[in-house]
Amino acid sequence: MSTLLLITAAPTSIHAWHALGLAQALQAEDQEFRVFFYQDGVQVANNLQWVPDDQRNLSVEWQKLSIRLPVCVSAALARGNRSRECQTSPNSSR
């Protein structure tokens, strides 16, 4: 069975961090899963979002999983994110 995590919470939300924790747990158990960032969750890909040095960066934490991190382009554009402002990694699909 495969699990899909639909991330709709903004990076500042505790729900977004719980989703990351679930993804980390699934990966640790070698469970098959995918993620998709939608609605306010697309802010995870925003390169212009500043995070203080003494706080964990949700975007960096997701990238550490080394999985595809697709983002809804329409939701990103609706929130003012343009492609050049979105993080791109070898494992991302936008």
C-alpha atoms as a PDB file:
ATOM      1  CA  MET A   1       0.000   0.000   0.000  1.00  0.00           C
ATOM      2  CA  SER A   2       1.236   3.498  -0.838  1.00  0.00           C
ATOM      3  CA  THR A   3       0.480   6.601   1.219  1.00  0.00           C
ATOM      4  CA  LEU A   4      -0.052  10.072  -0.209  1.00  0.00           C
ATOM      5  CA  LEU A   5       0.630  13.009   2.094  1.00  0.00           C
ATOM      6  CA  LEU A   6      -1.266  16.073   0.888  1.00  0.00           C
ATOM      7  CA  ILE A   7       0.402  19.016   2.605  1.00  0.00           C
ATOM      8  CA  THR A   8      -1.930  22.022   2.787  1.00  0.00           C
ATOM      9  CA  ALA A   9      -0.620  23.760   5.908  1.00  0.00           C
ATOM     10  CA  ALA A  10       1.750  26.737   5.817  1.00  0.00           C
ATOM     11  CA  PRO A  11       5.364  26.079   6.910  1.00  0.00           C
ATOM     12  CA  THR A  12       4.723  27.997  10.144  1.00  0.00           C
ATOM     13  CA  SER A  13       1.910  25.625  11.129  1.00  0.00           C
ATOM     14  CA  ILE A  14       2.456  22.768  13.565  1.00  0.00           C
ATOM     15  CA  HIS A  15       0.466  20.600  11.127  1.00  0.00           C
ATOM     16  CA  ALA A  16       3.157  21.055   8.468  1.00  0.00           C
ATOM     17  CA  TRP A  17       5.782  19.885  10.946  1.00  0.00           C
ATOM     18  CA  HIS A  18       3.671  16.879  11.933  1.00  0.00           C
ATOM     19  CA  ALA A  19       3.417  15.958   8.245  1.00  0.00           C
ATOM     20  CA  LEU A  20       7.206  16.051   8.001  1.00  0.00           C
ATOM     21  CA  GLY A  21       7.444  13.833  11.078  1.00  0.00           C
ATOM     22  CA  LEU A  22       5.041  11.355   9.505  1.00  0.00           C
ATOM     23  CA  ALA A  23       7.076  11.321   6.300  1.00  0.00           C
ATOM     24  CA  GLN A  24      10.271  10.729   8.268  1.00  0.00           C
ATOM     25  CA  ALA A  25       8.628   7.869  10.161  1.00  0.00           C
ATOM     26  CA  LEU A  26       7.306   6.296   6.955  1.00  0.00           C
ATOM     27  CA  GLN A  27      10.746   6.529   5.377  1.00  0.00           C
ATOM     28  CA  ALA A  28      12.404   5.019   8.462  1.00  0.00           C
ATOM     29  CA  GLU A  29       9.998   2.069   8.224  1.00  0.00           C
ATOM     30  CA  ASP A  30      10.660   1.692   4.469  1.00  0.00           C
ATOM     31  CA  GLN A  31       6.999   2.402   3.725  1.00  0.00           C
ATOM     32  CA  GLU A  32       6.092   3.615   0.247  1.00  0.00           C
ATOM     33  CA  PHE A  33       4.751   7.177   0.244  1.00  0.00           C
ATOM     34  CA  ARG A  34       4.503  10.311  -1.864  1.00  0.00           C
ATOM     35  CA  VAL A  35       3.889  13.940  -0.984  1.00  0.00           C
ATOM     36  CA  PHE A  36       2.171  16.817  -2.741  1.00  0.00           C
ATOM     37  CA  PHE A  37       2.213  20.434  -1.589  1.00  0.00           C
ATOM     38  CA  TYR A  38      -1.079  22.265  -2.149  1.00  0.00           C
ATOM     39  CA  GLN A  39      -2.807  25.443  -0.923  1.00  0.00           C
ATOM     40  CA  ASP A  40      -0.668  27.148   1.761  1.00  0.00           C
ATOM     41  CA  GLY A  41       1.673  24.162   1.767  1.00  0.00           C
ATOM     42  CA  VAL A  42       3.279  25.486  -1.417  1.00  0.00           C
ATOM     43  CA  GLN A  43       5.047  28.118   0.698  1.00  0.00           C
ATOM     44  CA  VAL A  44       7.528  25.382   1.634  1.00  0.00           C
ATOM     45  CA  ALA A  45       9.057  25.899  -1.827  1.00  0.00           C
ATOM     46  CA  ASN A  46       9.367  29.685  -1.505  1.00  0.00           C
ATOM     47  CA  ASN A  47      13.068  30.643  -1.578  1.00  0.00           C
ATOM     48  CA  LEU A  48      12.231  34.165  -0.409  1.00  0.00           C
ATOM     49  CA  GLN A  49      10.896  32.970   2.921  1.00  0.00           C
ATOM     50  CA  TRP A  50      13.408  33.905   5.619  1.00  0.00           C
ATOM     51  CA  VAL A  51      13.971  31.569   8.553  1.00  0.00           C
ATOM     52  CA  PRO A  52      16.108  32.695  11.523  1.00  0.00           C
ATOM     53  CA  ASP A  53      19.318  30.743  12.038  1.00  0.00           C
ATOM     54  CA  ASP A  54      18.156  29.440  15.419  1.00  0.00           C
ATOM     55  CA  GLN A  55      15.041  27.793  13.941  1.00  0.00           C
ATOM     56  CA  ARG A  56      14.688  24.656  11.861  1.00  0.00           C
ATOM     57  CA  ASN A  57      13.882  25.291   8.219  1.00  0.00           C
ATOM     58  CA  LEU A  58      10.985  23.127   7.053  1.00  0.00           C
ATOM     59  CA  SER A  59      12.070  23.332   3.398  1.00  0.00           C
ATOM     60  CA  VAL A  60      15.543  22.059   4.235  1.00  0.00           C
ATOM     61  CA  GLU A  61      14.103  19.278   6.391  1.00  0.00           C
ATOM     62  CA  TRP A  62      11.875  18.066   3.528  1.00  0.00           C
ATOM     63  CA  GLN A  63      14.827  18.101   1.130  1.00  0.00           C
ATOM     64  CA  LYS A  64      16.818  15.888   3.497  1.00  0.00           C
ATOM     65  CA  LEU A  65      14.368  13.070   2.706  1.00  0.00           C
ATOM     66  CA  SER A  66      15.717  12.971  -0.891  1.00  0.00           C
ATOM     67  CA  ILE A  67      12.315  12.306  -2.440  1.00  0.00           C
ATOM     68  CA  ARG A  68      10.274  14.090  -5.115  1.00  0.00           C
ATOM     69  CA  LEU A  69       8.597  17.172  -3.675  1.00  0.00           C
ATOM     70  CA  PRO A  70       5.982  18.267  -6.216  1.00  0.00           C
ATOM     71  CA  VAL A  71       4.206  21.585  -5.692  1.00  0.00           C
ATOM     72  CA  CYS A  72       0.896  22.715  -7.190  1.00  0.00           C
ATOM     73  CA  VAL A  73       1.938  25.429  -9.629  1.00  0.00           C
ATOM     74  CA  SER A  74      -1.485  27.092  -9.656  1.00  0.00           C
ATOM     75  CA  ALA A  75      -1.529  27.345  -5.860  1.00  0.00           C
ATOM     76  CA  ALA A  76       2.028  28.720  -5.851  1.00  0.00           C
ATOM     77  CA  LEU A  77       1.209  31.353  -8.465  1.00  0.00           C
ATOM     78  CA  ALA A  78      -1.962  32.327  -6.596  1.00  0.00           C
ATOM     79  CA  ARG A  79       0.218  33.034  -3.551  1.00  0.00           C
ATOM     80  CA  GLY A  80       2.665  35.171  -5.497  1.00  0.00           C
ATOM     81  CA  ASN A  81       5.379  32.550  -5.907  1.00  0.00           C
ATOM     82  CA  ARG A  82       7.026  32.526  -9.303  1.00  0.00           C
ATOM     83  CA  SER A  83       9.159  29.650 -10.552  1.00  0.00           C
ATOM     84  CA  ARG A  84      12.422  31.513  -9.961  1.00  0.00           C
ATOM     85  CA  GLU A  85      11.423  32.036  -6.315  1.00  0.00           C
ATOM     86  CA  CYS A  86      10.711  28.347  -5.757  1.00  0.00           C
ATOM     87  CA  GLN A  87      13.382  25.968  -4.627  1.00  0.00           C
ATOM     88  CA  THR A  88      14.427  23.417  -7.128  1.00  0.00           C
ATOM     89  CA  SER A  89      16.329  20.312  -6.223  1.00  0.00           C
ATOM     90  CA  PRO A  90      17.199  17.256  -8.288  1.00  0.00           C
ATOM     91  CA  ASN A  91      14.319  15.426  -6.610  1.00  0.00           C
ATOM     92  CA  SER A  92      11.665  18.095  -7.115  1.00  0.00           C
ATOM     93  CA  SER A  93       9.002  18.265  -9.766  1.00  0.00           C
ATOM     94  CA  ARG A  94       7.195  21.550 -10.373  1.00  0.00           C
END
